Protein backbone atom coordinates (compact mmCIF):
# COMPACT_ATOMS: atom_id res chain seq x y z
CA MET A 1 -17.08 -33.94 10.48
CA LYS A 2 -14.85 -31.30 8.76
CA LEU A 3 -13.48 -31.89 5.24
CA ASP A 4 -9.96 -31.56 5.81
CA ASP A 5 -9.98 -34.30 8.93
CA PHE A 6 -12.02 -36.65 6.90
CA ALA A 7 -9.62 -35.86 4.09
CA ASN A 8 -6.52 -36.11 6.07
CA ASN A 9 -7.95 -39.43 7.51
CA TYR A 10 -8.81 -41.23 4.40
CA LEU A 11 -5.39 -40.25 2.87
CA GLY A 12 -3.20 -40.66 5.82
CA SER A 13 -3.36 -44.80 4.81
CA SER A 14 -1.99 -44.14 1.27
CA GLY A 15 1.93 -44.83 1.28
CA GLU A 16 2.47 -43.70 -2.64
CA SER A 17 0.55 -40.52 -3.34
CA GLU A 18 3.63 -38.65 -1.62
CA TYR A 19 6.51 -38.81 -4.15
CA LEU A 20 4.47 -40.64 -6.94
CA TRP A 21 5.76 -38.51 -9.42
CA ASP A 22 9.34 -37.87 -8.33
CA ARG A 23 10.15 -41.19 -9.91
CA PRO A 24 12.46 -42.17 -13.37
CA ARG A 25 9.34 -43.52 -14.78
CA PHE A 26 8.44 -39.82 -15.09
CA ASP A 27 11.78 -37.88 -16.24
CA ASN A 28 10.70 -37.10 -19.28
CA LEU A 29 7.59 -35.25 -17.98
CA ASN A 30 9.36 -33.67 -14.79
CA SER A 31 12.02 -32.08 -17.40
CA ALA A 32 9.48 -31.23 -19.94
CA LEU A 33 7.66 -29.26 -17.25
CA GLY A 34 10.54 -27.75 -16.04
CA GLY A 35 11.38 -29.69 -12.97
CA PHE A 36 9.11 -31.54 -10.13
CA GLN A 37 7.86 -28.96 -8.51
CA ASN A 38 6.66 -27.27 -11.33
CA ALA A 39 5.26 -30.76 -12.78
CA ASN A 40 3.59 -32.07 -9.85
CA PRO A 41 0.77 -29.84 -9.68
CA LEU A 42 0.18 -30.25 -13.37
CA LEU A 43 1.07 -34.05 -13.56
CA ILE A 44 -1.93 -34.20 -10.70
CA THR A 45 -4.44 -32.16 -12.73
CA THR A 46 -3.81 -34.17 -15.64
CA ALA A 47 -4.50 -37.50 -14.09
CA TRP A 48 -7.80 -35.80 -12.68
CA GLN A 49 -8.77 -34.74 -15.80
CA THR A 50 -8.09 -38.11 -17.56
CA LEU A 51 -10.35 -39.99 -14.44
CA LEU A 52 -13.27 -37.56 -14.97
CA GLU A 53 -13.54 -37.98 -18.76
CA SER A 54 -13.25 -41.93 -18.61
CA PRO A 55 -16.74 -43.38 -19.15
CA ASP A 56 -16.87 -45.59 -15.99
CA LEU A 57 -16.91 -42.60 -13.83
CA SER A 58 -18.26 -40.72 -15.66
CA ASN A 59 -21.63 -42.53 -15.45
CA LYS A 60 -20.96 -42.62 -11.62
CA LEU A 61 -21.12 -38.78 -11.31
CA TYR A 62 -23.66 -37.64 -13.98
CA PRO A 63 -27.72 -38.44 -13.40
CA LYS A 64 -29.00 -40.30 -16.56
CA ALA A 65 -30.96 -37.75 -17.99
CA PHE A 66 -27.35 -36.14 -18.91
CA ARG A 67 -25.40 -39.19 -20.27
CA ASN A 68 -24.11 -38.96 -24.22
CA ILE A 69 -24.94 -35.00 -24.05
CA SER A 70 -21.40 -34.02 -23.50
CA ASN A 71 -22.03 -30.67 -25.58
CA ASN A 72 -25.10 -29.34 -23.51
CA PRO A 73 -23.76 -26.88 -20.98
CA SER A 74 -26.15 -27.76 -18.50
CA LEU A 75 -23.95 -30.88 -18.08
CA LYS A 76 -20.99 -28.58 -16.91
CA LYS A 77 -22.56 -26.70 -14.81
CA HIS A 78 -24.28 -29.30 -12.77
CA LEU A 79 -21.31 -30.65 -10.69
CA GLU A 80 -18.73 -28.07 -9.50
CA LYS A 81 -15.44 -29.63 -8.80
CA TYR A 82 -12.28 -28.56 -7.46
CA LEU A 83 -8.46 -30.39 -6.58
CA LEU A 84 -8.08 -29.44 -3.40
CA CYS A 85 -4.22 -29.37 -1.72
CA LEU A 86 -4.05 -31.21 1.27
CA GLY A 87 -0.24 -30.86 1.85
CA ASN A 88 2.93 -33.23 1.23
CA ASN A 89 2.17 -33.80 -2.31
CA LYS A 90 -1.29 -35.12 -1.36
CA TYR A 91 -4.33 -33.81 -3.07
CA CYS A 92 -8.54 -34.94 -3.42
CA LEU A 93 -11.32 -33.75 -5.37
CA LEU A 94 -13.89 -31.83 -4.13
CA VAL A 95 -17.43 -32.61 -5.61
CA PHE A 96 -20.13 -30.12 -5.07
CA ASP A 97 -23.33 -32.26 -5.99
CA PRO A 98 -26.91 -30.24 -5.88
CA SER A 99 -28.84 -33.53 -5.55
CA PHE A 100 -26.69 -34.43 -2.58
CA THR A 101 -28.71 -34.34 0.48
CA SER A 102 -26.85 -35.68 3.11
CA ASP A 103 -24.68 -33.33 5.78
CA GLU A 104 -22.35 -35.86 6.06
CA PRO A 105 -19.61 -36.12 2.48
CA VAL A 106 -19.13 -39.45 1.00
CA HIS A 107 -15.65 -40.64 -0.41
CA ILE A 108 -14.60 -42.81 -3.38
CA ASP A 109 -11.66 -43.81 -4.88
CA ALA A 110 -11.72 -42.57 -8.55
CA SER A 111 -9.66 -45.27 -9.69
CA LYS A 112 -11.56 -47.90 -8.23
CA ASN A 113 -14.12 -49.66 -10.57
CA ASN A 114 -12.58 -48.10 -13.00
CA THR A 115 -11.33 -50.29 -15.61
CA LYS A 116 -8.21 -49.55 -17.90
CA LYS A 117 -9.90 -49.69 -20.81
CA SER A 118 -12.06 -46.76 -19.02
CA ILE A 119 -9.20 -44.97 -18.29
CA ASN A 120 -7.54 -45.34 -21.76
CA SER A 121 -10.52 -43.65 -23.30
CA GLY A 122 -10.42 -40.80 -20.91
CA TYR A 123 -7.53 -40.18 -21.71
CA GLY A 124 -8.05 -39.84 -25.65
CA ILE A 125 -10.88 -37.15 -24.40
CA TRP A 126 -8.24 -35.67 -22.74
CA ARG A 127 -5.89 -35.27 -25.67
CA SER A 128 -8.36 -34.48 -27.97
CA LYS A 129 -9.62 -31.00 -25.59
CA MET A 130 -5.42 -30.29 -25.54
CA ASN A 131 -5.16 -30.45 -28.85
CA LYS A 132 -7.70 -28.00 -29.24
CA THR A 133 -6.70 -26.11 -26.48
CA VAL A 134 -2.76 -25.58 -27.98
CA ALA A 135 -4.58 -24.43 -31.05
CA ASN A 136 -6.71 -21.71 -29.22
CA LEU A 137 -3.75 -20.68 -27.44
CA SER A 138 -2.05 -20.54 -30.67
CA ASN A 139 -4.73 -18.37 -32.27
CA PHE A 140 -4.76 -16.27 -28.82
CA GLY A 141 -1.13 -15.09 -29.39
CA TYR A 142 0.77 -16.76 -26.57
CA LEU A 143 2.61 -18.81 -29.22
CA GLY A 144 5.33 -17.03 -31.98
CA ARG A 145 7.15 -15.35 -29.96
CA GLY A 146 10.19 -16.13 -31.24
CA LEU A 147 9.99 -19.34 -29.96
CA SER A 148 10.39 -22.59 -32.09
CA THR A 149 10.34 -25.58 -29.82
CA ILE A 150 10.90 -26.33 -26.05
CA SER A 151 13.54 -28.34 -26.46
CA ASP A 152 15.52 -24.85 -27.26
CA ILE A 153 14.57 -23.21 -24.32
CA PRO A 154 16.89 -23.52 -21.28
CA ASN A 155 15.59 -25.44 -18.11
CA SER A 156 15.64 -22.44 -15.92
CA ASP A 157 13.60 -20.32 -18.25
CA ARG A 158 10.44 -22.82 -18.39
CA LYS A 159 8.44 -21.80 -16.07
CA THR A 160 8.78 -18.13 -17.34
CA VAL A 161 7.81 -19.98 -20.95
CA PHE A 162 4.82 -22.00 -19.58
CA ASN A 163 3.48 -18.78 -17.54
CA MET A 164 3.39 -16.96 -21.39
CA GLY A 165 1.60 -20.08 -22.19
CA VAL A 166 3.62 -22.26 -24.44
CA TYR A 167 2.20 -25.44 -24.17
CA GLU A 168 3.36 -27.24 -27.77
CA GLU A 169 2.69 -30.82 -29.38
CA GLU A 170 6.40 -31.92 -28.00
CA VAL A 171 5.52 -31.30 -24.63
CA LEU A 172 2.14 -32.77 -24.99
CA ASN A 173 3.36 -35.84 -26.39
CA THR A 174 5.39 -36.67 -23.37
CA PHE A 175 2.22 -37.34 -21.51
CA GLU A 176 2.21 -40.93 -22.54
CA PRO A 177 -1.16 -42.99 -21.79
CA GLN A 178 1.03 -45.92 -19.99
CA VAL A 179 2.62 -43.23 -18.11
CA LEU A 180 -0.57 -41.88 -16.50
CA GLN A 181 -2.30 -44.90 -16.45
CA TYR A 182 0.89 -46.15 -14.04
CA GLY A 183 -0.01 -43.23 -11.72
CA ILE A 184 -3.26 -43.80 -11.46
CA GLU A 185 -3.24 -47.20 -10.54
CA ASN A 186 -0.68 -47.04 -7.90
CA SER A 187 -1.84 -43.98 -5.96
CA ASP A 188 -5.19 -42.83 -4.17
CA TRP A 189 -7.16 -41.04 -5.69
CA PRO A 190 -9.90 -39.56 -3.67
CA MET A 191 -13.15 -37.55 -4.10
CA ILE A 192 -14.82 -36.01 -1.66
CA ILE A 193 -18.91 -35.53 -2.79
CA CYS A 194 -21.02 -32.87 -0.40
CA LYS A 195 -23.64 -30.57 -0.82
CA PRO A 196 -22.40 -27.45 -2.05
CA PRO A 197 -21.64 -24.85 0.63
CA LYS A 198 -23.65 -21.11 0.27
CA LYS A 199 -22.13 -18.48 -1.53
CA ILE A 200 -21.36 -15.24 -0.24
CA PHE A 201 -20.43 -13.01 -3.26
CA THR A 202 -17.72 -10.71 -2.47
CA CYS A 203 -19.65 -8.14 -4.77
CA TYR A 204 -20.31 -5.26 -2.54
CA CYS A 205 -7.78 -3.60 -7.62
CA PRO A 206 -5.03 -1.17 -7.98
CA THR A 207 -2.84 -0.55 -5.18
CA THR A 208 -5.59 1.02 -3.91
CA PRO A 209 -9.08 0.07 -4.05
CA HIS A 210 -10.87 1.35 -7.52
CA LYS A 211 -14.38 1.23 -6.65
CA VAL A 212 -17.05 0.60 -9.06
CA PHE A 213 -19.84 2.64 -8.71
CA LEU A 214 -23.17 1.68 -10.96
CA LYS A 215 -25.07 4.76 -10.34
CA GLU A 216 -24.47 8.75 -9.23
CA GLY A 217 -24.84 8.77 -5.38
CA GLU A 218 -25.10 4.72 -4.62
CA GLY A 219 -22.60 3.20 -2.82
CA PHE A 220 -19.83 0.78 -4.71
CA LYS A 221 -20.61 -2.32 -5.50
CA SER A 222 -17.33 -4.28 -6.53
CA LEU A 223 -13.79 -3.02 -7.45
CA ALA A 224 -11.71 -3.11 -10.70
CA GLY A 225 -9.39 -6.02 -11.63
CA ILE A 226 -6.82 -5.48 -14.16
CA TYR A 227 -6.30 -2.26 -16.70
CA THR A 228 -4.93 -2.91 -20.50
CA ARG A 229 -6.23 -2.67 -23.95
CA ASN A 230 -8.22 -5.26 -26.23
CA LYS A 231 -7.21 -6.47 -29.60
CA GLN A 232 -9.17 -3.40 -30.97
CA ASP A 233 -6.34 -1.37 -29.26
CA ILE A 234 -9.66 0.03 -26.64
CA PHE A 235 -7.65 1.15 -23.51
CA GLY A 236 -9.84 -0.25 -20.33
CA VAL A 237 -10.43 -2.34 -17.12
CA THR A 238 -11.79 -5.90 -15.96
CA ILE A 239 -14.91 -5.31 -13.60
CA CYS A 240 -16.77 -8.19 -12.16
CA LEU A 241 -20.66 -9.12 -13.88
CA HIS A 242 -22.53 -9.76 -10.83
CA SER A 243 -22.25 -6.34 -9.41
CA PHE A 244 -25.37 -5.45 -11.58
CA PRO A 245 -28.40 -5.97 -10.48
CA ASP A 246 -29.77 -9.84 -12.00
CA SER A 247 -25.79 -10.05 -13.24
CA TYR A 248 -26.82 -8.04 -16.76
CA ALA A 249 -25.27 -5.55 -18.22
CA GLU A 250 -25.43 -4.49 -22.09
CA ALA A 251 -22.45 -4.18 -24.14
CA GLY A 252 -22.48 -0.77 -25.79
CA LYS A 253 -25.39 0.73 -22.96
CA THR A 254 -24.45 0.23 -19.73
CA LYS A 255 -22.05 2.76 -18.07
CA VAL A 256 -19.88 2.73 -14.80
CA ASN A 257 -17.56 5.05 -12.74
CA ILE A 258 -14.64 3.60 -11.87
CA ASN A 259 -12.35 5.62 -9.33
CA GLY A 260 -14.00 8.90 -10.47
CA ILE A 261 -13.48 7.84 -14.41
CA THR A 262 -16.68 7.39 -16.62
CA GLY A 263 -16.65 4.35 -18.28
CA LEU A 264 -19.01 2.07 -21.12
CA VAL A 265 -19.34 -1.72 -20.97
CA ILE A 266 -17.72 -2.69 -24.25
CA SER A 267 -18.13 -6.60 -23.68
CA VAL A 268 -20.09 -8.75 -21.09
CA HIS A 269 -19.10 -12.77 -20.88
CA ASN A 270 -21.50 -14.44 -18.33
CA ILE A 271 -20.06 -17.26 -17.56
CA SER A 272 -16.68 -15.83 -16.19
CA ASP A 273 -18.85 -13.18 -14.46
CA SER A 274 -16.34 -10.38 -16.29
CA CYS A 275 -17.25 -7.25 -18.35
CA PHE A 276 -14.18 -4.89 -20.21
CA VAL A 277 -15.11 -1.31 -19.49
CA GLN A 278 -13.56 1.30 -22.25
CA LEU A 279 -12.97 4.21 -19.71
CA ASP A 280 -12.48 8.29 -20.45
CA ALA A 281 -8.97 8.13 -19.68
CA THR A 282 -5.53 7.03 -21.01
CA GLU A 283 -2.98 5.08 -19.03
CA SER A 284 -1.02 8.20 -17.76
CA GLN A 285 -4.48 9.53 -16.02
CA ILE A 286 -5.20 6.33 -13.70
CA ALA A 287 -3.29 6.55 -10.31
CA ASP A 288 -2.02 3.57 -8.38
CA LEU A 289 -1.84 1.13 -11.67
CA LEU A 290 -0.26 -2.60 -10.67
CA ASN A 291 2.10 -4.20 -13.26
CA ALA A 292 1.21 -7.39 -14.06
CA ASN A 293 2.88 -9.87 -16.55
CA GLY A 294 -0.89 -10.74 -17.54
CA PRO A 295 -2.61 -14.19 -16.99
CA LEU A 296 -0.87 -17.18 -16.09
CA GLN A 297 -1.68 -19.81 -18.43
CA GLY A 298 -0.56 -23.29 -19.78
CA THR A 299 0.07 -24.58 -16.44
CA THR A 300 -1.83 -25.18 -13.19
CA PRO A 301 -0.87 -22.67 -9.85
CA ARG A 302 1.62 -24.39 -7.61
CA GLU A 303 0.46 -25.95 -4.61
CA PHE A 304 0.15 -23.42 -1.79
CA GLU A 305 1.64 -20.75 -3.95
CA LYS A 306 1.60 -17.48 -2.60
CA CYS A 307 -0.34 -14.73 -3.77
CA SER A 308 -1.91 -11.43 -3.25
CA PHE A 309 -4.83 -8.89 -3.99
CA ILE A 310 -6.09 -5.18 -2.89
CA ASN A 311 -8.76 -5.52 -1.31
CA LYS A 312 -12.38 -2.97 -0.31
CA GLU A 313 -9.99 -1.65 2.50
CA GLY A 314 -6.89 -0.68 0.15
CA ASP A 315 -4.78 -3.54 2.22
CA LYS A 316 -2.72 -6.12 0.02
CA ALA A 317 -3.70 -8.71 1.58
CA GLU A 318 -1.68 -12.03 0.86
CA THR A 319 -2.83 -15.51 0.75
CA ASN A 320 -2.33 -19.14 -0.62
CA VAL A 321 -3.58 -21.07 -3.58
CA ILE A 322 -5.10 -24.41 -2.11
CA GLY A 323 -6.88 -25.54 -5.17
CA TRP A 324 -8.66 -25.31 -8.53
CA SER A 325 -11.01 -26.71 -11.25
CA PRO A 326 -9.60 -29.72 -12.28
CA ASP A 327 -9.87 -28.44 -15.88
CA ILE A 328 -8.00 -25.45 -15.70
CA MET A 329 -5.87 -26.10 -18.75
CA TYR A 330 -9.06 -26.44 -20.94
CA PHE A 331 -10.42 -23.17 -23.02
CA ASP A 332 -14.10 -24.27 -22.56
CA PRO A 333 -16.65 -21.87 -23.54
CA TYR A 334 -19.20 -23.17 -21.40
CA ASN A 335 -17.32 -23.83 -18.61
CA GLN A 336 -16.38 -21.49 -15.35
CA VAL A 337 -12.80 -22.16 -14.43
CA LYS A 338 -11.85 -21.58 -10.90
CA VAL A 339 -8.84 -20.93 -7.99
CA LEU A 340 -9.56 -21.60 -4.72
CA THR A 341 -7.32 -19.39 -1.40
CA ASN A 342 -8.19 -19.09 1.63
CA PRO A 343 -11.39 -17.41 2.76
CA ILE A 344 -10.18 -14.02 2.61
CA THR A 345 -12.61 -12.09 0.75
CA ASN A 346 -15.18 -10.10 1.89
CA PRO A 347 -18.57 -8.45 0.28
CA GLY A 348 -16.62 -5.45 -1.84
CA ASP A 349 -13.77 -7.25 -2.93
CA SER A 350 -15.71 -8.53 -6.35
CA GLY A 351 -13.61 -8.40 -9.38
CA SER A 352 -9.65 -7.75 -7.60
CA ALA A 353 -6.98 -9.36 -9.38
CA LEU A 354 -5.27 -11.94 -7.42
CA ILE A 355 -1.42 -11.77 -8.02
CA ASP A 356 1.00 -14.37 -7.99
CA SER A 357 4.67 -14.25 -6.42
CA SER A 358 5.51 -13.96 -9.92
CA GLU A 359 3.35 -10.76 -10.81
CA ASN A 360 0.98 -13.41 -12.79
CA VAL A 361 -2.59 -12.62 -12.66
CA LEU A 362 -4.24 -15.78 -11.22
CA GLY A 363 -8.22 -14.83 -11.11
CA PHE A 364 -10.82 -12.22 -10.26
CA SER A 365 -12.39 -12.64 -6.73
CA PHE A 366 -15.87 -14.19 -7.54
CA TYR A 367 -17.01 -15.53 -4.12
CA ARG A 368 -15.85 -17.00 -0.90
CA THR A 369 -18.19 -19.89 1.35
CA GLU A 370 -20.17 -19.17 4.35
CA ILE A 371 -18.45 -19.76 8.03
CA ASN A 372 -18.67 -23.10 9.24
CA ALA A 373 -19.08 -24.46 5.76
CA VAL A 374 -17.82 -27.94 5.10
CA LYS A 375 -14.92 -26.69 3.36
CA GLU A 376 -14.07 -22.93 3.61
CA PHE A 377 -12.13 -20.73 0.53
CA SER A 378 -12.74 -17.76 -1.56
CA ALA A 379 -13.27 -18.67 -5.33
CA TRP A 380 -11.37 -16.72 -7.93
CA ILE A 381 -12.60 -16.83 -11.48
CA TRP A 382 -9.67 -18.19 -13.57
CA ALA A 383 -7.95 -15.27 -14.79
CA ALA A 384 -6.85 -16.74 -18.32
CA SER A 385 -10.54 -17.57 -19.47
CA VAL A 386 -11.40 -13.74 -18.41
CA PHE A 387 -8.61 -12.41 -21.15
CA LYS A 388 -9.65 -14.78 -23.71
CA ALA A 389 -13.29 -14.36 -23.18
CA HIS A 390 -12.38 -10.11 -23.91
CA ASN A 391 -9.76 -10.47 -26.30
CA LEU A 392 -7.15 -8.79 -23.92
CA ASN A 393 -3.84 -7.86 -24.54
CA PHE A 394 -1.12 -7.76 -21.76
């Protein structure tokens, strides 16, 4: 059975999930986050983060060998998880488990057999991680832009502010444990578990495709992402790491050619599959640059949000967000966070930047699933993690 049919049949029995968050109980949260349309995907994501941190569910998902080693990077990689938009404000969590052998997916409701004590413990872990993330945002330079508190910002401007990454204690305090507990108790929280799909790396963007060549005389391997400067005021461009043999490049030594311009890889980050390349050129010497606001940060993408990228053919390809990693709001050095769109990328598109309708950078092309996978999609590395990894300005 196709995953879409499986999930929709399961969720069809729920009468609560459609407008759960659009109720007086959640007015403070919706107001703080700029209205229901902006708050809904963030509330869904936060509830899933709380559930996934709860010990009862965590013990079901992770093998005994991995229990009580929460700081082990292997634990973060063992299960690949995505929050999928199914329409009508309905979501499910898709889990790829490498130890799963059945061709048919199975489902559980994450809120069932998950005690209130366990969920409250999950909330405490989530809150601790978010406190650290707020501190990291401040250190990363997102805060301190002439803004004092969220209450000083007009409602009409709050979406722009969250796009800049302003996520302060005042807003975090509106996520009270009893509010999330109510949301979890009064809706279905379907989790679908299946085998990982075969990944087709889109290795093989600017208003025209700026192609990355590793060696003279060879064909191009991938596309350039975003041109910017790092905190040391070095001008360069992002590219994907998996375009190199064995996904290896050495900072300060590996050279590439991007759209006819020589560049030197000066920083490498394996988790986010990214490199930052210093160019022998200035901004004025780069043709066909695409203006962007920087990475979306401090919130989630919106359900079925419209976005686009420049593919290897030079076409502006339009698509929609259909899911994201449930821990997308955390800064975790060992966590590869991604956004999902319709399966629109192909080999040669890797590294291209995904831009939303507000000109924020959502992600960089990473891989797509094979045709006829249980769920087909294109995966994009979350842009904010790449900017953070290489200390980039925007």
